[in-house]
Amino acid sequence: MKPAQFRDIQADLGWTHAQTAAALGLSVVSVKRIATDTQVITDQTARMLIALLLVHKEGLAKKYAKLVDKYHGDTTMESR
């Protein structure tokens, strides 16, 4: 994934850097660096962002958040 594609997905989701960071489990600084091509986008980060785009496009965000709460309750979902 290229930084422009990362930014395009962020825009499609309507997420800020802070929201993207929370959803991906990254720091805001890392998301800013990824978006500006000063940090490598790992395969895991790219795949997660694409999966989150699918979840949101398919209207499954609330179901996803419930599952995260159930199985990983210590994670906050800023993008709900």
PDB file of N, CA and C in Angstrom:
ATOM      1  N   MET A   1       0.854  -1.179   0.000  1.00  0.00           N
ATOM      2  CA  MET A   1       0.000   0.000   0.000  1.00  0.00           C
ATOM      3  C   MET A   1       0.893   1.232   0.000  1.00  0.00           C
ATOM      4  N   LYS A   2       0.494   2.182  -0.802  1.00  0.00           N
ATOM      5  CA  LYS A   2       1.215   3.448  -0.871  1.00  0.00           C
ATOM      6  C   LYS A   2       0.548   4.476   0.046  1.00  0.00           C
ATOM      7  N   PRO A   3       1.290   5.487   0.499  1.00  0.00           N
ATOM      8  CA  PRO A   3       0.709   6.502   1.385  1.00  0.00           C
ATOM      9  C   PRO A   3      -0.541   7.154   0.805  1.00  0.00           C
ATOM     10  N   ALA A   4      -0.573   7.380  -0.500  1.00  0.00           N
ATOM     11  CA  ALA A   4      -1.765   7.984  -1.118  1.00  0.00           C
ATOM     12  C   ALA A   4      -2.982   7.073  -0.956  1.00  0.00           C
ATOM     13  N   GLN A   5      -2.782   5.762  -1.075  1.00  0.00           N
ATOM     14  CA  GLN A   5      -3.875   4.817  -0.885  1.00  0.00           C
ATOM     15  C   GLN A   5      -4.332   4.812   0.574  1.00  0.00           C
ATOM     16  N   PHE A   6      -3.367   4.880   1.485  1.00  0.00           N
ATOM     17  CA  PHE A   6      -3.683   4.964   2.917  1.00  0.00           C
ATOM     18  C   PHE A   6      -4.553   6.197   3.177  1.00  0.00           C
ATOM     19  N   ARG A   7      -4.147   7.341   2.628  1.00  0.00           N
ATOM     20  CA  ARG A   7      -4.908   8.583   2.818  1.00  0.00           C
ATOM     21  C   ARG A   7      -6.289   8.495   2.167  1.00  0.00           C
ATOM     22  N   ASP A   8      -6.366   7.830   1.005  1.00  0.00           N
ATOM     23  CA  ASP A   8      -7.663   7.661   0.334  1.00  0.00           C
ATOM     24  C   ASP A   8      -8.634   6.871   1.204  1.00  0.00           C
ATOM     25  N   ILE A   9      -8.143   5.807   1.831  1.00  0.00           N
ATOM     26  CA  ILE A   9      -9.011   5.000   2.696  1.00  0.00           C
ATOM     27  C   ILE A   9      -9.433   5.818   3.909  1.00  0.00           C
ATOM     28  N   GLN A  10      -8.500   6.557   4.486  1.00  0.00           N
ATOM     29  CA  GLN A  10      -8.853   7.443   5.608  1.00  0.00           C
ATOM     30  C   GLN A  10      -9.975   8.398   5.195  1.00  0.00           C
ATOM     31  N   ALA A  11      -9.833   8.981   4.019  1.00  0.00           N
ATOM     32  CA  ALA A  11     -10.851   9.917   3.529  1.00  0.00           C
ATOM     33  C   ALA A  11     -12.184   9.214   3.306  1.00  0.00           C
ATOM     34  N   ASP A  12     -12.150   8.001   2.719  1.00  0.00           N
ATOM     35  CA  ASP A  12     -13.384   7.231   2.517  1.00  0.00           C
ATOM     36  C   ASP A  12     -14.090   6.952   3.840  1.00  0.00           C
ATOM     37  N   LEU A  13     -13.300   6.684   4.872  1.00  0.00           N
ATOM     38  CA  LEU A  13     -13.865   6.412   6.187  1.00  0.00           C
ATOM     39  C   LEU A  13     -14.263   7.694   6.913  1.00  0.00           C
ATOM     40  N   GLY A  14     -13.714   8.823   6.480  1.00  0.00           N
ATOM     41  CA  GLY A  14     -13.990  10.087   7.151  1.00  0.00           C
ATOM     42  C   GLY A  14     -13.278  10.197   8.489  1.00  0.00           C
ATOM     43  N   TRP A  15     -12.146   9.509   8.612  1.00  0.00           N
ATOM     44  CA  TRP A  15     -11.418   9.448   9.880  1.00  0.00           C
ATOM     45  C   TRP A  15     -10.277  10.446   9.940  1.00  0.00           C
ATOM     46  N   THR A  16     -10.075  10.968  11.121  1.00  0.00           N
ATOM     47  CA  THR A  16      -8.908  11.785  11.414  1.00  0.00           C
ATOM     48  C   THR A  16      -7.721  10.853  11.659  1.00  0.00           C
ATOM     49  N   HIS A  17      -6.551  11.433  11.807  1.00  0.00           N
ATOM     50  CA  HIS A  17      -5.385  10.618  12.161  1.00  0.00           C
ATOM     51  C   HIS A  17      -5.608   9.938  13.518  1.00  0.00           C
ATOM     52  N   ALA A  18      -6.226  10.653  14.448  1.00  0.00           N
ATOM     53  CA  ALA A  18      -6.470  10.085  15.777  1.00  0.00           C
ATOM     54  C   ALA A  18      -7.426   8.893  15.705  1.00  0.00           C
ATOM     55  N   GLN A  19      -8.467   9.002  14.919  1.00  0.00           N
ATOM     56  CA  GLN A  19      -9.422   7.899  14.773  1.00  0.00           C
ATOM     57  C   GLN A  19      -8.777   6.704  14.087  1.00  0.00           C
ATOM     58  N   THR A  20      -7.983   6.980  13.066  1.00  0.00           N
ATOM     59  CA  THR A  20      -7.286   5.910  12.357  1.00  0.00           C
ATOM     60  C   THR A  20      -6.314   5.203  13.292  1.00  0.00           C
ATOM     61  N   ALA A  21      -5.581   5.978  14.071  1.00  0.00           N
ATOM     62  CA  ALA A  21      -4.620   5.411  15.023  1.00  0.00           C
ATOM     63  C   ALA A  21      -5.316   4.509  16.033  1.00  0.00           C
ATOM     64  N   ALA A  22      -6.433   4.976  16.572  1.00  0.00           N
ATOM     65  CA  ALA A  22      -7.171   4.179  17.562  1.00  0.00           C
ATOM     66  C   ALA A  22      -7.670   2.872  16.953  1.00  0.00           C
ATOM     67  N   ALA A  23      -8.188   2.934  15.745  1.00  0.00           N
ATOM     68  CA  ALA A  23      -8.732   1.742  15.087  1.00  0.00           C
ATOM     69  C   ALA A  23      -7.643   0.732  14.741  1.00  0.00           C
ATOM     70  N   LEU A  24      -6.445   1.233  14.402  1.00  0.00           N
ATOM     71  CA  LEU A  24      -5.354   0.344  13.998  1.00  0.00           C
ATOM     72  C   LEU A  24      -4.425  -0.031  15.145  1.00  0.00           C
ATOM     73  N   GLY A  25      -4.627   0.576  16.307  1.00  0.00           N
ATOM     74  CA  GLY A  25      -3.744   0.293  17.434  1.00  0.00           C
ATOM     75  C   GLY A  25      -2.361   0.905  17.262  1.00  0.00           C
ATOM     76  N   LEU A  26      -2.317   2.038  16.586  1.00  0.00           N
ATOM     77  CA  LEU A  26      -1.062   2.749  16.356  1.00  0.00           C
ATOM     78  C   LEU A  26      -1.093   4.093  17.071  1.00  0.00           C
ATOM     79  N   SER A  27       0.047   4.730  17.149  1.00  0.00           N
ATOM     80  CA  SER A  27       0.079   6.088  17.696  1.00  0.00           C
ATOM     81  C   SER A  27      -0.325   7.065  16.597  1.00  0.00           C
ATOM     82  N   VAL A  28      -0.782   8.227  17.017  1.00  0.00           N
ATOM     83  CA  VAL A  28      -1.131   9.269  16.053  1.00  0.00           C
ATOM     84  C   VAL A  28       0.111   9.669  15.245  1.00  0.00           C
ATOM     85  N   VAL A  29       1.250   9.716  15.907  1.00  0.00           N
ATOM     86  CA  VAL A  29       2.500  10.055  15.228  1.00  0.00           C
ATOM     87  C   VAL A  29       2.791   9.045  14.121  1.00  0.00           C
ATOM     88  N   SER A  30       2.590   7.761  14.397  1.00  0.00           N
ATOM     89  CA  SER A  30       2.820   6.734  13.369  1.00  0.00           C
ATOM     90  C   SER A  30       1.888   6.920  12.185  1.00  0.00           C
ATOM     91  N   VAL A  31       0.626   7.214  12.440  1.00  0.00           N
ATOM     92  CA  VAL A  31      -0.328   7.418  11.348  1.00  0.00           C
ATOM     93  C   VAL A  31       0.075   8.627  10.510  1.00  0.00           C
ATOM     94  N   LYS A  32       0.506   9.692  11.158  1.00  0.00           N
ATOM     95  CA  LYS A  32       0.961  10.877  10.414  1.00  0.00           C
ATOM     96  C   LYS A  32       2.177  10.537   9.565  1.00  0.00           C
ATOM     97  N   ARG A  33       3.078   9.763  10.116  1.00  0.00           N
ATOM     98  CA  ARG A  33       4.275   9.371   9.370  1.00  0.00           C
ATOM     99  C   ARG A  33       3.921   8.469   8.186  1.00  0.00           C
ATOM    100  N   ILE A  34       2.994   7.557   8.390  1.00  0.00           N
ATOM    101  CA  ILE A  34       2.549   6.684   7.302  1.00  0.00           C
ATOM    102  C   ILE A  34       1.923   7.525   6.189  1.00  0.00           C
ATOM    103  N   ALA A  35       1.068   8.461   6.571  1.00  0.00           N
ATOM    104  CA  ALA A  35       0.362   9.286   5.594  1.00  0.00           C
ATOM    105  C   ALA A  35       1.300  10.188   4.795  1.00  0.00           C
ATOM    106  N   THR A  36       2.453  10.495   5.381  1.00  0.00           N
ATOM    107  CA  THR A  36       3.403  11.383   4.696  1.00  0.00           C
ATOM    108  C   THR A  36       4.613  10.634   4.147  1.00  0.00           C
ATOM    109  N   ASP A  37       4.538   9.309   4.119  1.00  0.00           N
ATOM    110  CA  ASP A  37       5.579   8.457   3.550  1.00  0.00           C
ATOM    111  C   ASP A  37       6.921   8.546   4.282  1.00  0.00           C
ATOM    112  N   THR A  38       6.868   8.762   5.595  1.00  0.00           N
ATOM    113  CA  THR A  38       8.103   8.741   6.382  1.00  0.00           C
ATOM    114  C   THR A  38       8.163   7.520   7.297  1.00  0.00           C
ATOM    115  N   GLN A  39       7.151   6.666   7.217  1.00  0.00           N
ATOM    116  CA  GLN A  39       7.146   5.399   7.942  1.00  0.00           C
ATOM    117  C   GLN A  39       6.571   4.333   7.025  1.00  0.00           C
ATOM    118  N   VAL A  40       7.155   3.173   7.061  1.00  0.00           N
ATOM    119  CA  VAL A  40       6.706   2.056   6.222  1.00  0.00           C
ATOM    120  C   VAL A  40       5.329   1.583   6.683  1.00  0.00           C
ATOM    121  N   ILE A  41       4.480   1.293   5.715  1.00  0.00           N
ATOM    122  CA  ILE A  41       3.170   0.714   6.002  1.00  0.00           C
ATOM    123  C   ILE A  41       3.354  -0.795   5.993  1.00  0.00           C
ATOM    124  N   THR A  42       3.195  -1.410   7.146  1.00  0.00           N
ATOM    125  CA  THR A  42       3.357  -2.860   7.211  1.00  0.00           C
ATOM    126  C   THR A  42       2.189  -3.545   6.516  1.00  0.00           C
ATOM    127  N   ASP A  43       2.417  -4.767   6.112  1.00  0.00           N
ATOM    128  CA  ASP A  43       1.366  -5.561   5.483  1.00  0.00           C
ATOM    129  C   ASP A  43       0.178  -5.709   6.437  1.00  0.00           C
ATOM    130  N   GLN A  44       0.471  -5.916   7.703  1.00  0.00           N
ATOM    131  CA  GLN A  44      -0.586  -6.070   8.702  1.00  0.00           C
ATOM    132  C   GLN A  44      -1.435  -4.797   8.812  1.00  0.00           C
ATOM    133  N   THR A  45      -0.802  -3.638   8.824  1.00  0.00           N
ATOM    134  CA  THR A  45      -1.530  -2.372   8.909  1.00  0.00           C
ATOM    135  C   THR A  45      -2.380  -2.161   7.666  1.00  0.00           C
ATOM    136  N   ALA A  46      -1.817  -2.430   6.501  1.00  0.00           N
ATOM    137  CA  ALA A  46      -2.563  -2.267   5.250  1.00  0.00           C
ATOM    138  C   ALA A  46      -3.785  -3.184   5.221  1.00  0.00           C
ATOM    139  N   ARG A  47      -3.585  -4.434   5.590  1.00  0.00           N
ATOM    140  CA  ARG A  47      -4.703  -5.394   5.570  1.00  0.00           C
ATOM    141  C   ARG A  47      -5.789  -5.001   6.569  1.00  0.00           C
ATOM    142  N   MET A  48      -5.395  -4.530   7.743  1.00  0.00           N
ATOM    143  CA  MET A  48      -6.376  -4.126   8.755  1.00  0.00           C
ATOM    144  C   MET A  48      -7.175  -2.913   8.280  1.00  0.00           C
ATOM    145  N   LEU A  49      -6.491  -1.952   7.681  1.00  0.00           N
ATOM    146  CA  LEU A  49      -7.194  -0.766   7.207  1.00  0.00           C
ATOM    147  C   LEU A  49      -8.188  -1.127   6.105  1.00  0.00           C
ATOM    148  N   ILE A  50      -7.793  -2.006   5.207  1.00  0.00           N
ATOM    149  CA  ILE A  50      -8.701  -2.461   4.147  1.00  0.00           C
ATOM    150  C   ILE A  50      -9.889  -3.209   4.749  1.00  0.00           C
ATOM    151  N   ALA A  51      -9.631  -4.047   5.737  1.00  0.00           N
ATOM    152  CA  ALA A  51     -10.721  -4.780   6.405  1.00  0.00           C
ATOM    153  C   ALA A  51     -11.684  -3.819   7.100  1.00  0.00           C
ATOM    154  N   LEU A  52     -11.142  -2.798   7.738  1.00  0.00           N
ATOM    155  CA  LEU A  52     -11.998  -1.809   8.406  1.00  0.00           C
ATOM    156  C   LEU A  52     -12.832  -1.029   7.390  1.00  0.00           C
ATOM    157  N   LEU A  53     -12.255  -0.746   6.236  1.00  0.00           N
ATOM    158  CA  LEU A  53     -13.023  -0.087   5.181  1.00  0.00           C
ATOM    159  C   LEU A  53     -14.193  -0.970   4.756  1.00  0.00           C
ATOM    160  N   LEU A  54     -13.933  -2.247   4.572  1.00  0.00           N
ATOM    161  CA  LEU A  54     -14.993  -3.183   4.203  1.00  0.00           C
ATOM    162  C   LEU A  54     -16.078  -3.243   5.273  1.00  0.00           C
ATOM    163  N   VAL A  55     -15.671  -3.338   6.511  1.00  0.00           N
ATOM    164  CA  VAL A  55     -16.615  -3.389   7.631  1.00  0.00           C
ATOM    165  C   VAL A  55     -17.528  -2.163   7.607  1.00  0.00           C
ATOM    166  N   HIS A  56     -16.948  -1.006   7.414  1.00  0.00           N
ATOM    167  CA  HIS A  56     -17.738   0.226   7.420  1.00  0.00           C
ATOM    168  C   HIS A  56     -18.600   0.366   6.169  1.00  0.00           C
ATOM    169  N   LYS A  57     -18.075  -0.016   5.024  1.00  0.00           N
ATOM    170  CA  LYS A  57     -18.854   0.079   3.783  1.00  0.00           C
ATOM    171  C   LYS A  57     -20.045  -0.874   3.793  1.00  0.00           C
ATOM    172  N   GLU A  58     -19.898  -2.000   4.468  1.00  0.00           N
ATOM    173  CA  GLU A  58     -20.968  -2.998   4.528  1.00  0.00           C
ATOM    174  C   GLU A  58     -21.931  -2.752   5.691  1.00  0.00           C
ATOM    175  N   GLY A  59     -21.730  -1.677   6.434  1.00  0.00           N
ATOM    176  CA  GLY A  59     -22.623  -1.341   7.540  1.00  0.00           C
ATOM    177  C   GLY A  59     -22.468  -2.251   8.746  1.00  0.00           C
ATOM    178  N   LEU A  60     -21.274  -2.785   8.937  1.00  0.00           N
ATOM    179  CA  LEU A  60     -21.037  -3.730  10.028  1.00  0.00           C
ATOM    180  C   LEU A  60     -20.238  -3.129  11.189  1.00  0.00           C
ATOM    181  N   ALA A  61     -20.098  -1.814  11.225  1.00  0.00           N
ATOM    182  CA  ALA A  61     -19.262  -1.160  12.236  1.00  0.00           C
ATOM    183  C   ALA A  61     -19.748  -1.447  13.654  1.00  0.00           C
ATOM    184  N   LYS A  62     -21.046  -1.405  13.886  1.00  0.00           N
ATOM    185  CA  LYS A  62     -21.569  -1.651  15.241  1.00  0.00           C
ATOM    186  C   LYS A  62     -21.349  -3.106  15.656  1.00  0.00           C
ATOM    187  N   LYS A  63     -21.550  -4.027  14.735  1.00  0.00           N
ATOM    188  CA  LYS A  63     -21.312  -5.438  15.037  1.00  0.00           C
ATOM    189  C   LYS A  63     -19.833  -5.675  15.319  1.00  0.00           C
ATOM    190  N   TYR A  64     -18.971  -5.035  14.547  1.00  0.00           N
ATOM    191  CA  TYR A  64     -17.529  -5.155  14.752  1.00  0.00           C
ATOM    192  C   TYR A  64     -17.147  -4.624  16.129  1.00  0.00           C
ATOM    193  N   ALA A  65     -17.675  -3.466  16.492  1.00  0.00           N
ATOM    194  CA  ALA A  65     -17.367  -2.869  17.791  1.00  0.00           C
ATOM    195  C   ALA A  65     -17.823  -3.775  18.937  1.00  0.00           C
ATOM    196  N   LYS A  66     -18.988  -4.407  18.781  1.00  0.00           N
ATOM    197  CA  LYS A  66     -19.468  -5.331  19.815  1.00  0.00           C
ATOM    198  C   LYS A  66     -18.533  -6.521  19.979  1.00  0.00           C
ATOM    199  N   LEU A  67     -18.067  -7.062  18.855  1.00  0.00           N
ATOM    200  CA  LEU A  67     -17.145  -8.192  18.925  1.00  0.00           C
ATOM    201  C   LEU A  67     -15.809  -7.788  19.543  1.00  0.00           C
ATOM    202  N   VAL A  68     -15.335  -6.607  19.212  1.00  0.00           N
ATOM    203  CA  VAL A  68     -14.090  -6.119  19.821  1.00  0.00           C
ATOM    204  C   VAL A  68     -14.289  -5.992  21.328  1.00  0.00           C
ATOM    205  N   ASP A  69     -15.424  -5.422  21.739  1.00  0.00           N
ATOM    206  CA  ASP A  69     -15.709  -5.290  23.171  1.00  0.00           C
ATOM    207  C   ASP A  69     -15.770  -6.658  23.848  1.00  0.00           C
ATOM    208  N   LYS A  70     -16.371  -7.622  23.185  1.00  0.00           N
ATOM    209  CA  LYS A  70     -16.523  -8.954  23.768  1.00  0.00           C
ATOM    210  C   LYS A  70     -15.189  -9.678  23.906  1.00  0.00           C
ATOM    211  N   TYR A  71     -14.383  -9.630  22.869  1.00  0.00           N
ATOM    212  CA  TYR A  71     -13.163 -10.423  22.853  1.00  0.00           C
ATOM    213  C   TYR A  71     -11.895  -9.659  23.192  1.00  0.00           C
ATOM    214  N   HIS A  72     -11.984  -8.350  23.187  1.00  0.00           N
ATOM    215  CA  HIS A  72     -10.815  -7.540  23.477  1.00  0.00           C
ATOM    216  C   HIS A  72     -11.285  -6.256  24.169  1.00  0.00           C
ATOM    217  N   GLY A  73     -11.952  -6.428  25.293  1.00  0.00           N
ATOM    218  CA  GLY A  73     -12.623  -5.349  25.998  1.00  0.00           C
ATOM    219  C   GLY A  73     -11.738  -4.202  26.447  1.00  0.00           C
ATOM    220  N   ASP A  74     -10.436  -4.401  26.488  1.00  0.00           N
ATOM    221  CA  ASP A  74      -9.556  -3.318  26.912  1.00  0.00           C
ATOM    222  C   ASP A  74      -9.188  -2.389  25.755  1.00  0.00           C
ATOM    223  N   THR A  75      -9.739  -2.651  24.566  1.00  0.00           N
ATOM    224  CA  THR A  75      -9.473  -1.820  23.393  1.00  0.00           C
ATOM    225  C   THR A  75     -10.599  -0.819  23.245  1.00  0.00           C
ATOM    226  N   THR A  76     -10.249   0.443  22.999  1.00  0.00           N
ATOM    227  CA  THR A  76     -11.281   1.445  22.769  1.00  0.00           C
ATOM    228  C   THR A  76     -11.478   1.607  21.282  1.00  0.00           C
ATOM    229  N   MET A  77     -12.710   1.815  20.893  1.00  0.00           N
ATOM    230  CA  MET A  77     -13.052   1.987  19.478  1.00  0.00           C
ATOM    231  C   MET A  77     -13.471   3.436  19.250  1.00  0.00           C
ATOM    232  N   GLU A  78     -12.527   4.280  18.932  1.00  0.00           N
ATOM    233  CA  GLU A  78     -12.778   5.695  18.698  1.00  0.00           C
ATOM    234  C   GLU A  78     -13.702   5.942  17.515  1.00  0.00           C
ATOM    235  N   SER A  79     -13.736   5.026  16.582  1.00  0.00           N
ATOM    236  CA  SER A  79     -14.474   5.260  15.337  1.00  0.00           C
ATOM    237  C   SER A  79     -15.937   4.852  15.378  1.00  0.00           C
ATOM    238  N   ARG A  80     -16.438   4.459  16.540  1.00  0.00           N
ATOM    239  CA  ARG A  80     -17.826   3.995  16.616  1.00  0.00           C
ATOM    240  C   ARG A  80     -18.805   5.050  16.244  1.00  0.00           C
TER     241      ARG A  80
END
